[in-house]
Amino acid sequence: MPIAITITAEEPPRDVDRRRLLEGLFRYNTAAVGDGDCSEIMVAARGDDGALIGGAVGEIFWGWLHITRLWVDDASRGSGTGWRLLRALETEAARRGCQWAHLDTFSFQARGFYEKQGYA
């Protein structure tokens, strides 16, 4: 006899449910393609005073770097900080065994910036 299923939108998601979802997905993927180095990575740009003026965050899994966030403070934009952050993130990911990288962006964000860096 099939079980009754209820689908609900939950905002914000409960931490325990989010962890269960991610663990289930990880187990499924690992069974299909083997164990991989699944970890989060961040590089930071700091001013002379140590304050964060930019950063880039990504996830590493199965040889891929998925760039999830890149931000540069308004006052530091146009200084090359974004380019340096992206390269530092890619370099660290390569050091950890990544061979490929991907990201997505909205057209109003930084599409042109990423295209100049070789992303399509």
PDB file of N, CA and C in Angstrom:
ATOM      1  N   MET A   1       0.846  -1.180   0.000  1.00  0.00           N
ATOM      2  CA  MET A   1       0.000   0.000   0.000  1.00  0.00           C
ATOM      3  C   MET A   1       0.888   1.240   0.000  1.00  0.00           C
ATOM      4  N   PRO A   2       0.671   2.176  -0.937  1.00  0.00           N
ATOM      5  CA  PRO A   2       1.511   3.381  -0.990  1.00  0.00           C
ATOM      6  C   PRO A   2       1.290   4.265   0.235  1.00  0.00           C
ATOM      7  N   ILE A   3       2.354   4.967   0.606  1.00  0.00           N
ATOM      8  CA  ILE A   3       2.245   5.877   1.746  1.00  0.00           C
ATOM      9  C   ILE A   3       1.672   7.212   1.263  1.00  0.00           C
ATOM     10  N   ALA A   4       1.018   7.906   2.157  1.00  0.00           N
ATOM     11  CA  ALA A   4       0.498   9.231   1.835  1.00  0.00           C
ATOM     12  C   ALA A   4       1.648  10.233   1.904  1.00  0.00           C
ATOM     13  N   ILE A   5       1.763  11.066   0.913  1.00  0.00           N
ATOM     14  CA  ILE A   5       2.841  12.052   0.855  1.00  0.00           C
ATOM     15  C   ILE A   5       2.235  13.446   0.835  1.00  0.00           C
ATOM     16  N   THR A   6       2.773  14.316   1.667  1.00  0.00           N
ATOM     17  CA  THR A   6       2.367  15.714   1.697  1.00  0.00           C
ATOM     18  C   THR A   6       3.566  16.566   1.323  1.00  0.00           C
ATOM     19  N   ILE A   7       3.391  17.471   0.395  1.00  0.00           N
ATOM     20  CA  ILE A   7       4.465  18.377  -0.020  1.00  0.00           C
ATOM     21  C   ILE A   7       4.139  19.756   0.539  1.00  0.00           C
ATOM     22  N   THR A   8       5.126  20.362   1.219  1.00  0.00           N
ATOM     23  CA  THR A   8       4.927  21.681   1.812  1.00  0.00           C
ATOM     24  C   THR A   8       6.103  22.584   1.487  1.00  0.00           C
ATOM     25  N   ALA A   9       5.849  23.873   1.399  1.00  0.00           N
ATOM     26  CA  ALA A   9       6.916  24.865   1.289  1.00  0.00           C
ATOM     27  C   ALA A   9       7.281  25.261   2.711  1.00  0.00           C
ATOM     28  N   GLU A  10       8.560  25.217   3.031  1.00  0.00           N
ATOM     29  CA  GLU A  10       9.001  25.490   4.389  1.00  0.00           C
ATOM     30  C   GLU A  10      10.053  26.586   4.374  1.00  0.00           C
ATOM     31  N   GLU A  11       9.703  27.690   5.021  1.00  0.00           N
ATOM     32  CA  GLU A  11      10.623  28.817   5.049  1.00  0.00           C
ATOM     33  C   GLU A  11      10.675  29.396   6.447  1.00  0.00           C
ATOM     34  N   PRO A  12      11.821  29.469   7.029  1.00  0.00           N
ATOM     35  CA  PRO A  12      13.084  28.918   6.525  1.00  0.00           C
ATOM     36  C   PRO A  12      13.122  27.410   6.761  1.00  0.00           C
ATOM     37  N   PRO A  13      13.923  26.691   6.009  1.00  0.00           N
ATOM     38  CA  PRO A  13      14.014  25.252   6.246  1.00  0.00           C
ATOM     39  C   PRO A  13      14.651  24.970   7.602  1.00  0.00           C
ATOM     40  N   ARG A  14      14.187  23.913   8.230  1.00  0.00           N
ATOM     41  CA  ARG A  14      14.779  23.518   9.511  1.00  0.00           C
ATOM     42  C   ARG A  14      16.170  22.940   9.250  1.00  0.00           C
ATOM     43  N   ASP A  15      17.121  23.268  10.113  1.00  0.00           N
ATOM     44  CA  ASP A  15      18.503  22.788   9.953  1.00  0.00           C
ATOM     45  C   ASP A  15      18.558  21.276   9.863  1.00  0.00           C
ATOM     46  N   VAL A  16      17.805  20.585  10.702  1.00  0.00           N
ATOM     47  CA  VAL A  16      17.834  19.122  10.716  1.00  0.00           C
ATOM     48  C   VAL A  16      17.338  18.563   9.379  1.00  0.00           C
ATOM     49  N   ASP A  17      16.327  19.192   8.793  1.00  0.00           N
ATOM     50  CA  ASP A  17      15.812  18.722   7.505  1.00  0.00           C
ATOM     51  C   ASP A  17      16.781  19.030   6.375  1.00  0.00           C
ATOM     52  N   ARG A  18      17.396  20.185   6.426  1.00  0.00           N
ATOM     53  CA  ARG A  18      18.390  20.553   5.403  1.00  0.00           C
ATOM     54  C   ARG A  18      19.559  19.578   5.434  1.00  0.00           C
ATOM     55  N   ARG A  19      20.049  19.269   6.633  1.00  0.00           N
ATOM     56  CA  ARG A  19      21.149  18.306   6.761  1.00  0.00           C
ATOM     57  C   ARG A  19      20.741  16.937   6.229  1.00  0.00           C
ATOM     58  N   ARG A  20      19.526  16.492   6.540  1.00  0.00           N
ATOM     59  CA  ARG A  20      19.039  15.191   6.078  1.00  0.00           C
ATOM     60  C   ARG A  20      18.993  15.150   4.555  1.00  0.00           C
ATOM     61  N   LEU A  21      18.500  16.224   3.957  1.00  0.00           N
ATOM     62  CA  LEU A  21      18.444  16.312   2.498  1.00  0.00           C
ATOM     63  C   LEU A  21      19.845  16.219   1.893  1.00  0.00           C
ATOM     64  N   LEU A  22      20.780  17.013   2.409  1.00  0.00           N
ATOM     65  CA  LEU A  22      22.142  17.024   1.868  1.00  0.00           C
ATOM     66  C   LEU A  22      22.843  15.686   2.087  1.00  0.00           C
ATOM     67  N   GLU A  23      22.647  15.081   3.239  1.00  0.00           N
ATOM     68  CA  GLU A  23      23.262  13.773   3.506  1.00  0.00           C
ATOM     69  C   GLU A  23      22.706  12.710   2.571  1.00  0.00           C
ATOM     70  N   GLY A  24      21.387  12.731   2.340  1.00  0.00           N
ATOM     71  CA  GLY A  24      20.785  11.766   1.424  1.00  0.00           C
ATOM     72  C   GLY A  24      21.297  11.931   0.007  1.00  0.00           C
ATOM     73  N   LEU A  25      21.395  13.170  -0.437  1.00  0.00           N
ATOM     74  CA  LEU A  25      21.910  13.440  -1.780  1.00  0.00           C
ATOM     75  C   LEU A  25      23.370  13.011  -1.896  1.00  0.00           C
ATOM     76  N   PHE A  26      24.163  13.299  -0.868  1.00  0.00           N
ATOM     77  CA  PHE A  26      25.572  12.919  -0.884  1.00  0.00           C
ATOM     78  C   PHE A  26      25.719  11.391  -0.954  1.00  0.00           C
ATOM     79  N   ARG A  27      24.946  10.667  -0.164  1.00  0.00           N
ATOM     80  CA  ARG A  27      25.013   9.194  -0.195  1.00  0.00           C
ATOM     81  C   ARG A  27      24.647   8.669  -1.578  1.00  0.00           C
ATOM     82  N   TYR A  28      23.596   9.213  -2.160  1.00  0.00           N
ATOM     83  CA  TYR A  28      23.155   8.776  -3.488  1.00  0.00           C
ATOM     84  C   TYR A  28      24.247   9.034  -4.527  1.00  0.00           C
ATOM     85  N   ASN A  29      24.793  10.258  -4.528  1.00  0.00           N
ATOM     86  CA  ASN A  29      25.837  10.608  -5.498  1.00  0.00           C
ATOM     87  C   ASN A  29      27.093   9.780  -5.297  1.00  0.00           C
ATOM     88  N   THR A  30      27.475   9.551  -4.048  1.00  0.00           N
ATOM     89  CA  THR A  30      28.668   8.764  -3.752  1.00  0.00           C
ATOM     90  C   THR A  30      28.501   7.333  -4.256  1.00  0.00           C
ATOM     91  N   ALA A  31      27.314   6.778  -4.101  1.00  0.00           N
ATOM     92  CA  ALA A  31      27.064   5.420  -4.599  1.00  0.00           C
ATOM     93  C   ALA A  31      27.202   5.363  -6.118  1.00  0.00           C
ATOM     94  N   ALA A  32      26.868   6.456  -6.801  1.00  0.00           N
ATOM     95  CA  ALA A  32      26.914   6.474  -8.264  1.00  0.00           C
ATOM     96  C   ALA A  32      28.302   6.754  -8.808  1.00  0.00           C
ATOM     97  N   VAL A  33      29.066   7.663  -8.163  1.00  0.00           N
ATOM     98  CA  VAL A  33      30.342   8.088  -8.748  1.00  0.00           C
ATOM     99  C   VAL A  33      31.533   7.946  -7.817  1.00  0.00           C
ATOM    100  N   GLY A  34      31.327   7.420  -6.640  1.00  0.00           N
ATOM    101  CA  GLY A  34      32.434   7.241  -5.710  1.00  0.00           C
ATOM    102  C   GLY A  34      32.588   8.418  -4.774  1.00  0.00           C
ATOM    103  N   ASP A  35      33.392   8.208  -3.767  1.00  0.00           N
ATOM    104  CA  ASP A  35      33.621   9.238  -2.763  1.00  0.00           C
ATOM    105  C   ASP A  35      34.435  10.367  -3.367  1.00  0.00           C
ATOM    106  N   GLY A  36      34.149  11.568  -2.979  1.00  0.00           N
ATOM    107  CA  GLY A  36      34.882  12.723  -3.477  1.00  0.00           C
ATOM    108  C   GLY A  36      35.156  13.690  -2.348  1.00  0.00           C
ATOM    109  N   ASP A  37      36.043  14.621  -2.616  1.00  0.00           N
ATOM    110  CA  ASP A  37      36.360  15.660  -1.642  1.00  0.00           C
ATOM    111  C   ASP A  37      35.274  16.717  -1.731  1.00  0.00           C
ATOM    112  N   CYS A  38      34.263  16.587  -0.898  1.00  0.00           N
ATOM    113  CA  CYS A  38      33.169  17.563  -0.880  1.00  0.00           C
ATOM    114  C   CYS A  38      33.422  18.519   0.271  1.00  0.00           C
ATOM    115  N   SER A  39      33.749  19.747  -0.079  1.00  0.00           N
ATOM    116  CA  SER A  39      34.050  20.714   0.964  1.00  0.00           C
ATOM    117  C   SER A  39      33.763  22.117   0.459  1.00  0.00           C
ATOM    118  N   GLU A  40      33.673  23.036   1.410  1.00  0.00           N
ATOM    119  CA  GLU A  40      33.478  24.443   1.070  1.00  0.00           C
ATOM    120  C   GLU A  40      34.832  25.139   1.126  1.00  0.00           C
ATOM    121  N   ILE A  41      34.996  26.135   0.283  1.00  0.00           N
ATOM    122  CA  ILE A  41      36.252  26.862   0.201  1.00  0.00           C
ATOM    123  C   ILE A  41      35.932  28.358   0.137  1.00  0.00           C
ATOM    124  N   MET A  42      36.765  29.175   0.779  1.00  0.00           N
ATOM    125  CA  MET A  42      36.595  30.627   0.725  1.00  0.00           C
ATOM    126  C   MET A  42      37.955  31.286   0.643  1.00  0.00           C
ATOM    127  N   VAL A  43      38.033  32.332  -0.157  1.00  0.00           N
ATOM    128  CA  VAL A  43      39.196  33.206  -0.153  1.00  0.00           C
ATOM    129  C   VAL A  43      38.695  34.599   0.202  1.00  0.00           C
ATOM    130  N   ALA A  44      39.529  35.364   0.891  1.00  0.00           N
ATOM    131  CA  ALA A  44      39.124  36.669   1.388  1.00  0.00           C
ATOM    132  C   ALA A  44      40.109  37.743   0.963  1.00  0.00           C
ATOM    133  N   ALA A  45      39.583  38.934   0.725  1.00  0.00           N
ATOM    134  CA  ALA A  45      40.401  40.124   0.490  1.00  0.00           C
ATOM    135  C   ALA A  45      40.182  41.044   1.687  1.00  0.00           C
ATOM    136  N   ARG A  46      41.280  41.474   2.292  1.00  0.00           N
ATOM    137  CA  ARG A  46      41.193  42.320   3.478  1.00  0.00           C
ATOM    138  C   ARG A  46      42.023  43.584   3.275  1.00  0.00           C
ATOM    139  N   GLY A  47      41.523  44.663   3.825  1.00  0.00           N
ATOM    140  CA  GLY A  47      42.241  45.930   3.779  1.00  0.00           C
ATOM    141  C   GLY A  47      43.341  45.958   4.823  1.00  0.00           C
ATOM    142  N   ASP A  48      44.077  47.064   4.855  1.00  0.00           N
ATOM    143  CA  ASP A  48      45.168  47.232   5.823  1.00  0.00           C
ATOM    144  C   ASP A  48      44.723  47.022   7.260  1.00  0.00           C
ATOM    145  N   ASP A  49      43.472  47.377   7.546  1.00  0.00           N
ATOM    146  CA  ASP A  49      42.957  47.250   8.910  1.00  0.00           C
ATOM    147  C   ASP A  49      42.404  45.862   9.215  1.00  0.00           C
ATOM    148  N   GLY A  50      42.475  44.952   8.247  1.00  0.00           N
ATOM    149  CA  GLY A  50      41.979  43.592   8.446  1.00  0.00           C
ATOM    150  C   GLY A  50      40.509  43.407   8.134  1.00  0.00           C
ATOM    151  N   ALA A  51      39.824  44.488   7.777  1.00  0.00           N
ATOM    152  CA  ALA A  51      38.400  44.396   7.466  1.00  0.00           C
ATOM    153  C   ALA A  51      38.192  43.693   6.125  1.00  0.00           C
ATOM    154  N   LEU A  52      37.163  42.891   6.050  1.00  0.00           N
ATOM    155  CA  LEU A  52      36.826  42.177   4.823  1.00  0.00           C
ATOM    156  C   LEU A  52      36.329  43.172   3.781  1.00  0.00           C
ATOM    157  N   ILE A  53      36.971  43.190   2.603  1.00  0.00           N
ATOM    158  CA  ILE A  53      36.525  44.059   1.517  1.00  0.00           C
ATOM    159  C   ILE A  53      36.052  43.247   0.320  1.00  0.00           C
ATOM    160  N   GLY A  54      36.173  41.941   0.410  1.00  0.00           N
ATOM    161  CA  GLY A  54      35.696  41.075  -0.662  1.00  0.00           C
ATOM    162  C   GLY A  54      35.965  39.629  -0.322  1.00  0.00           C
ATOM    163  N   GLY A  55      35.290  38.767  -1.052  1.00  0.00           N
ATOM    164  CA  GLY A  55      35.506  37.347  -0.834  1.00  0.00           C
ATOM    165  C   GLY A  55      34.848  36.532  -1.920  1.00  0.00           C
ATOM    166  N   ALA A  56      35.263  35.299  -2.008  1.00  0.00           N
ATOM    167  CA  ALA A  56      34.679  34.352  -2.949  1.00  0.00           C
ATOM    168  C   ALA A  56      34.523  33.027  -2.237  1.00  0.00           C
ATOM    169  N   VAL A  57      33.378  32.384  -2.476  1.00  0.00           N
ATOM    170  CA  VAL A  57      33.052  31.119  -1.832  1.00  0.00           C
ATOM    171  C   VAL A  57      32.698  30.109  -2.909  1.00  0.00           C
ATOM    172  N   GLY A  58      33.104  28.882  -2.697  1.00  0.00           N
ATOM    173  CA  GLY A  58      32.760  27.817  -3.622  1.00  0.00           C
ATOM    174  C   GLY A  58      32.628  26.499  -2.916  1.00  0.00           C
ATOM    175  N   GLU A  59      32.114  25.543  -3.642  1.00  0.00           N
ATOM    176  CA  GLU A  59      32.018  24.168  -3.161  1.00  0.00           C
ATOM    177  C   GLU A  59      32.860  23.301  -4.079  1.00  0.00           C
ATOM    178  N   ILE A  60      33.575  22.366  -3.488  1.00  0.00           N
ATOM    179  CA  ILE A  60      34.417  21.445  -4.244  1.00  0.00           C
ATOM    180  C   ILE A  60      33.806  20.054  -4.128  1.00  0.00           C
ATOM    181  N   PHE A  61      33.606  19.418  -5.262  1.00  0.00           N
ATOM    182  CA  PHE A  61      33.116  18.046  -5.253  1.00  0.00           C
ATOM    183  C   PHE A  61      33.447  17.363  -6.572  1.00  0.00           C
ATOM    184  N   TRP A  62      33.959  16.148  -6.476  1.00  0.00           N
ATOM    185  CA  TRP A  62      34.265  15.278  -7.608  1.00  0.00           C
ATOM    186  C   TRP A  62      35.028  15.988  -8.725  1.00  0.00           C
ATOM    187  N   GLY A  63      36.053  16.732  -8.338  1.00  0.00           N
ATOM    188  CA  GLY A  63      36.903  17.390  -9.315  1.00  0.00           C
ATOM    189  C   GLY A  63      36.373  18.706  -9.840  1.00  0.00           C
ATOM    190  N   TRP A  64      35.244  19.158  -9.326  1.00  0.00           N
ATOM    191  CA  TRP A  64      34.625  20.402  -9.771  1.00  0.00           C
ATOM    192  C   TRP A  64      34.699  21.463  -8.688  1.00  0.00           C
ATOM    193  N   LEU A  65      34.880  22.694  -9.114  1.00  0.00           N
ATOM    194  CA  LEU A  65      34.694  23.860  -8.264  1.00  0.00           C
ATOM    195  C   LEU A  65      33.401  24.526  -8.713  1.00  0.00           C
ATOM    196  N   HIS A  66      32.447  24.638  -7.813  1.00  0.00           N
ATOM    197  CA  HIS A  66      31.212  25.378  -8.094  1.00  0.00           C
ATOM    198  C   HIS A  66      31.311  26.690  -7.333  1.00  0.00           C
ATOM    199  N   ILE A  67      31.483  27.779  -8.065  1.00  0.00           N
ATOM    200  CA  ILE A  67      31.617  29.100  -7.451  1.00  0.00           C
ATOM    201  C   ILE A  67      30.214  29.581  -7.109  1.00  0.00           C
ATOM    202  N   THR A  68      29.970  29.767  -5.812  1.00  0.00           N
ATOM    203  CA  THR A  68      28.624  30.126  -5.371  1.00  0.00           C
ATOM    204  C   THR A  68      28.465  31.607  -5.058  1.00  0.00           C
ATOM    205  N   ARG A  69      29.539  32.283  -4.675  1.00  0.00           N
ATOM    206  CA  ARG A  69      29.449  33.694  -4.315  1.00  0.00           C
ATOM    207  C   ARG A  69      30.776  34.392  -4.612  1.00  0.00           C
ATOM    208  N   LEU A  70      30.696  35.627  -5.085  1.00  0.00           N
ATOM    209  CA  LEU A  70      31.865  36.489  -5.200  1.00  0.00           C
ATOM    210  C   LEU A  70      31.368  37.905  -4.949  1.00  0.00           C
ATOM    211  N   TRP A  71      31.989  38.574  -4.005  1.00  0.00           N
ATOM    212  CA  TRP A  71      31.560  39.919  -3.626  1.00  0.00           C
ATOM    213  C   TRP A  71      32.776  40.795  -3.392  1.00  0.00           C
ATOM    214  N   VAL A  72      32.682  42.054  -3.834  1.00  0.00           N
ATOM    215  CA  VAL A  72      33.700  43.061  -3.574  1.00  0.00           C
ATOM    216  C   VAL A  72      32.972  44.313  -3.094  1.00  0.00           C
ATOM    217  N   ASP A  73      33.454  44.897  -2.007  1.00  0.00           N
ATOM    218  CA  ASP A  73      32.893  46.120  -1.455  1.00  0.00           C
ATOM    219  C   ASP A  73      32.857  47.214  -2.523  1.00  0.00           C
ATOM    220  N   ASP A  74      31.808  48.023  -2.489  1.00  0.00           N
ATOM    221  CA  ASP A  74      31.635  49.082  -3.498  1.00  0.00           C
ATOM    222  C   ASP A  74      32.894  49.930  -3.684  1.00  0.00           C
ATOM    223  N   ALA A  75      33.531  50.310  -2.584  1.00  0.00           N
ATOM    224  CA  ALA A  75      34.703  51.192  -2.657  1.00  0.00           C
ATOM    225  C   ALA A  75      35.905  50.515  -3.321  1.00  0.00           C
ATOM    226  N   SER A  76      35.916  49.187  -3.383  1.00  0.00           N
ATOM    227  CA  SER A  76      37.055  48.459  -3.942  1.00  0.00           C
ATOM    228  C   SER A  76      36.796  47.921  -5.341  1.00  0.00           C
ATOM    229  N   ARG A  77      35.607  48.118  -5.858  1.00  0.00           N
ATOM    230  CA  ARG A  77      35.305  47.629  -7.210  1.00  0.00           C
ATOM    231  C   ARG A  77      36.121  48.400  -8.233  1.00  0.00           C
ATOM    232  N   GLY A  78      36.525  47.705  -9.280  1.00  0.00           N
ATOM    233  CA  GLY A  78      37.327  48.332 -10.328  1.00  0.00           C
ATOM    234  C   GLY A  78      38.815  48.348 -10.018  1.00  0.00           C
ATOM    235  N   SER A  79      39.203  47.769  -8.880  1.00  0.00           N
ATOM    236  CA  SER A  79      40.614  47.786  -8.474  1.00  0.00           C
ATOM    237  C   SER A  79      41.348  46.488  -8.824  1.00  0.00           C
ATOM    238  N   GLY A  80      40.633  45.535  -9.428  1.00  0.00           N
ATOM    239  CA  GLY A  80      41.236  44.236  -9.719  1.00  0.00           C
ATOM    240  C   GLY A  80      41.032  43.227  -8.606  1.00  0.00           C
ATOM    241  N   THR A  81      40.353  43.623  -7.538  1.00  0.00           N
ATOM    242  CA  THR A  81      40.144  42.722  -6.409  1.00  0.00           C
ATOM    243  C   THR A  81      39.301  41.514  -6.810  1.00  0.00           C
ATOM    244  N   GLY A  82      38.251  41.725  -7.587  1.00  0.00           N
ATOM    245  CA  GLY A  82      37.397  40.616  -8.015  1.00  0.00           C
ATOM    246  C   GLY A  82      38.165  39.594  -8.830  1.00  0.00           C
ATOM    247  N   TRP A  83      38.964  40.070  -9.763  1.00  0.00           N
ATOM    248  CA  TRP A  83      39.782  39.181 -10.597  1.00  0.00           C
ATOM    249  C   TRP A  83      40.754  38.380  -9.727  1.00  0.00           C
ATOM    250  N   ARG A  84      41.386  39.067  -8.779  1.00  0.00           N
ATOM    251  CA  ARG A  84      42.346  38.396  -7.896  1.00  0.00           C
ATOM    252  C   ARG A  84      41.658  37.354  -7.023  1.00  0.00           C
ATOM    253  N   LEU A  85      40.465  37.658  -6.531  1.00  0.00           N
ATOM    254  CA  LEU A  85      39.719  36.689  -5.732  1.00  0.00           C
ATOM    255  C   LEU A  85      39.358  35.457  -6.557  1.00  0.00           C
ATOM    256  N   LEU A  86      38.867  35.677  -7.769  1.00  0.00           N
ATOM    257  CA  LEU A  86      38.483  34.558  -8.631  1.00  0.00           C
ATOM    258  C   LEU A  86      39.682  33.669  -8.922  1.00  0.00           C
ATOM    259  N   ARG A  87      40.816  34.278  -9.260  1.00  0.00           N
ATOM    260  CA  ARG A  87      42.023  33.492  -9.542  1.00  0.00           C
ATOM    261  C   ARG A  87      42.502  32.738  -8.298  1.00  0.00           C
ATOM    262  N   ALA A  88      42.439  33.380  -7.134  1.00  0.00           N
ATOM    263  CA  ALA A  88      42.865  32.717  -5.898  1.00  0.00           C
ATOM    264  C   ALA A  88      41.971  31.524  -5.593  1.00  0.00           C
ATOM    265  N   LEU A  89      40.661  31.665  -5.818  1.00  0.00           N
ATOM    266  CA  LEU A  89      39.734  30.558  -5.581  1.00  0.00           C
ATOM    267  C   LEU A  89      40.009  29.414  -6.546  1.00  0.00           C
ATOM    268  N   GLU A  90      40.208  29.732  -7.821  1.00  0.00           N
ATOM    269  CA  GLU A  90      40.520  28.707  -8.815  1.00  0.00           C
ATOM    270  C   GLU A  90      41.840  28.010  -8.500  1.00  0.00           C
ATOM    271  N   THR A  91      42.841  28.779  -8.093  1.00  0.00           N
ATOM    272  CA  THR A  91      44.159  28.209  -7.775  1.00  0.00           C
ATOM    273  C   THR A  91      44.072  27.264  -6.592  1.00  0.00           C
ATOM    274  N   GLU A  92      43.373  27.680  -5.548  1.00  0.00           N
ATOM    275  CA  GLU A  92      43.231  26.814  -4.375  1.00  0.00           C
ATOM    276  C   GLU A  92      42.437  25.562  -4.716  1.00  0.00           C
ATOM    277  N   ALA A  93      41.399  25.706  -5.520  1.00  0.00           N
ATOM    278  CA  ALA A  93      40.615  24.536  -5.928  1.00  0.00           C
ATOM    279  C   ALA A  93      41.468  23.569  -6.752  1.00  0.00           C
ATOM    280  N   ALA A  94      42.289  24.091  -7.648  1.00  0.00           N
ATOM    281  CA  ALA A  94      43.184  23.240  -8.438  1.00  0.00           C
ATOM    282  C   ALA A  94      44.171  22.523  -7.531  1.00  0.00           C
ATOM    283  N   ARG A  95      44.669  23.221  -6.516  1.00  0.00           N
ATOM    284  CA  ARG A  95      45.588  22.594  -5.565  1.00  0.00           C
ATOM    285  C   ARG A  95      44.906  21.419  -4.854  1.00  0.00           C
ATOM    286  N   ARG A  96      43.601  21.512  -4.697  1.00  0.00           N
ATOM    287  CA  ARG A  96      42.828  20.449  -4.034  1.00  0.00           C
ATOM    288  C   ARG A  96      42.320  19.406  -5.023  1.00  0.00           C
ATOM    289  N   GLY A  97      42.764  19.489  -6.280  1.00  0.00           N
ATOM    290  CA  GLY A  97      42.441  18.456  -7.252  1.00  0.00           C
ATOM    291  C   GLY A  97      41.342  18.777  -8.241  1.00  0.00           C
ATOM    292  N   CYS A  98      40.804  19.977  -8.217  1.00  0.00           N
ATOM    293  CA  CYS A  98      39.753  20.332  -9.168  1.00  0.00           C
ATOM    294  C   CYS A  98      40.340  20.545 -10.553  1.00  0.00           C
ATOM    295  N   GLN A  99      39.613  20.043 -11.536  1.00  0.00           N
ATOM    296  CA  GLN A  99      40.019  20.219 -12.925  1.00  0.00           C
ATOM    297  C   GLN A  99      39.073  21.131 -13.687  1.00  0.00           C
ATOM    298  N   TRP A 100      37.882  21.353 -13.144  1.00  0.00           N
ATOM    299  CA  TRP A 100      36.861  22.133 -13.823  1.00  0.00           C
ATOM    300  C   TRP A 100      36.213  23.106 -12.839  1.00  0.00           C
ATOM    301  N   ALA A 101      35.606  24.153 -13.389  1.00  0.00           N
ATOM    302  CA  ALA A 101      34.888  25.130 -12.567  1.00  0.00           C
ATOM    303  C   ALA A 101      33.626  25.562 -13.299  1.00  0.00           C
ATOM    304  N   HIS A 102      32.609  25.871 -12.522  1.00  0.00           N
ATOM    305  CA  HIS A 102      31.400  26.431 -13.116  1.00  0.00           C
ATOM    306  C   HIS A 102      30.748  27.392 -12.136  1.00  0.00           C
ATOM    307  N   LEU A 103      29.906  28.254 -12.675  1.00  0.00           N
ATOM    308  CA  LEU A 103      29.184  29.242 -11.879  1.00  0.00           C
ATOM    309  C   LEU A 103      27.979  29.685 -12.669  1.00  0.00           C
ATOM    310  N   ASP A 104      27.119  30.422 -12.008  1.00  0.00           N
ATOM    311  CA  ASP A 104      26.044  31.099 -12.720  1.00  0.00           C
ATOM    312  C   ASP A 104      25.897  32.497 -12.128  1.00  0.00           C
ATOM    313  N   THR A 105      25.338  33.389 -12.919  1.00  0.00           N
ATOM    314  CA  THR A 105      25.172  34.769 -12.475  1.00  0.00           C
ATOM    315  C   THR A 105      23.962  35.365 -13.176  1.00  0.00           C
ATOM    316  N   PHE A 106      23.390  36.375 -12.584  1.00  0.00           N
ATOM    317  CA  PHE A 106      22.309  37.105 -13.229  1.00  0.00           C
ATOM    318  C   PHE A 106      22.891  38.147 -14.174  1.00  0.00           C
ATOM    319  N   SER A 107      22.137  38.536 -15.170  1.00  0.00           N
ATOM    320  CA  SER A 107      22.631  39.509 -16.140  1.00  0.00           C
ATOM    321  C   SER A 107      22.936  40.859 -15.492  1.00  0.00           C
ATOM    322  N   PHE A 108      22.229  41.223 -14.427  1.00  0.00           N
ATOM    323  CA  PHE A 108      22.471  42.509 -13.776  1.00  0.00           C
ATOM    324  C   PHE A 108      23.664  42.468 -12.833  1.00  0.00           C
ATOM    325  N   GLN A 109      24.200  41.285 -12.589  1.00  0.00           N
ATOM    326  CA  GLN A 109      25.321  41.179 -11.663  1.00  0.00           C
ATOM    327  C   GLN A 109      26.638  41.361 -12.408  1.00  0.00           C
ATOM    328  N   ALA A 110      27.323  40.294 -12.690  1.00  0.00           N
ATOM    329  CA  ALA A 110      28.688  40.420 -13.199  1.00  0.00           C
ATOM    330  C   ALA A 110      28.955  39.537 -14.407  1.00  0.00           C
ATOM    331  N   ARG A 111      27.959  39.368 -15.252  1.00  0.00           N
ATOM    332  CA  ARG A 111      28.144  38.488 -16.400  1.00  0.00           C
ATOM    333  C   ARG A 111      29.364  38.885 -17.236  1.00  0.00           C
ATOM    334  N   GLY A 112      29.493  40.167 -17.560  1.00  0.00           N
ATOM    335  CA  GLY A 112      30.622  40.644 -18.349  1.00  0.00           C
ATOM    336  C   GLY A 112      31.959  40.373 -17.673  1.00  0.00           C
ATOM    337  N   PHE A 113      31.999  40.541 -16.351  1.00  0.00           N
ATOM    338  CA  PHE A 113      33.216  40.264 -15.584  1.00  0.00           C
ATOM    339  C   PHE A 113      33.623  38.808 -15.756  1.00  0.00           C
ATOM    340  N   TYR A 114      32.687  37.885 -15.583  1.00  0.00           N
ATOM    341  CA  TYR A 114      33.014  36.465 -15.695  1.00  0.00           C
ATOM    342  C   TYR A 114      33.402  36.097 -17.119  1.00  0.00           C
ATOM    343  N   GLU A 115      32.738  36.681 -18.111  1.00  0.00           N
ATOM    344  CA  GLU A 115      33.096  36.400 -19.510  1.00  0.00           C
ATOM    345  C   GLU A 115      34.525  36.862 -19.806  1.00  0.00           C
ATOM    346  N   LYS A 116      34.934  38.008 -19.254  1.00  0.00           N
ATOM    347  CA  LYS A 116      36.312  38.473 -19.443  1.00  0.00           C
ATOM    348  C   LYS A 116      37.312  37.509 -18.826  1.00  0.00           C
ATOM    349  N   GLN A 117      36.875  36.758 -17.808  1.00  0.00           N
ATOM    350  CA  GLN A 117      37.760  35.800 -17.149  1.00  0.00           C
ATOM    351  C   GLN A 117      37.724  34.427 -17.807  1.00  0.00           C
ATOM    352  N   GLY A 118      36.994  34.294 -18.910  1.00  0.00           N
ATOM    353  CA  GLY A 118      36.982  33.045 -19.662  1.00  0.00           C
ATOM    354  C   GLY A 118      35.768  32.166 -19.440  1.00  0.00           C
ATOM    355  N   TYR A 119      34.831  32.609 -18.619  1.00  0.00           N
ATOM    356  CA  TYR A 119      33.621  31.831 -18.389  1.00  0.00           C
ATOM    357  C   TYR A 119      32.608  32.125 -19.491  1.00  0.00           C
ATOM    358  N   ALA A 120      31.824  31.127 -19.845  1.00  0.00           N
ATOM    359  CA  ALA A 120      30.792  31.297 -20.883  1.00  0.00           C
ATOM    360  C   ALA A 120      29.435  30.975 -20.323  1.00  0.00           C
TER     361      ALA A 120
END
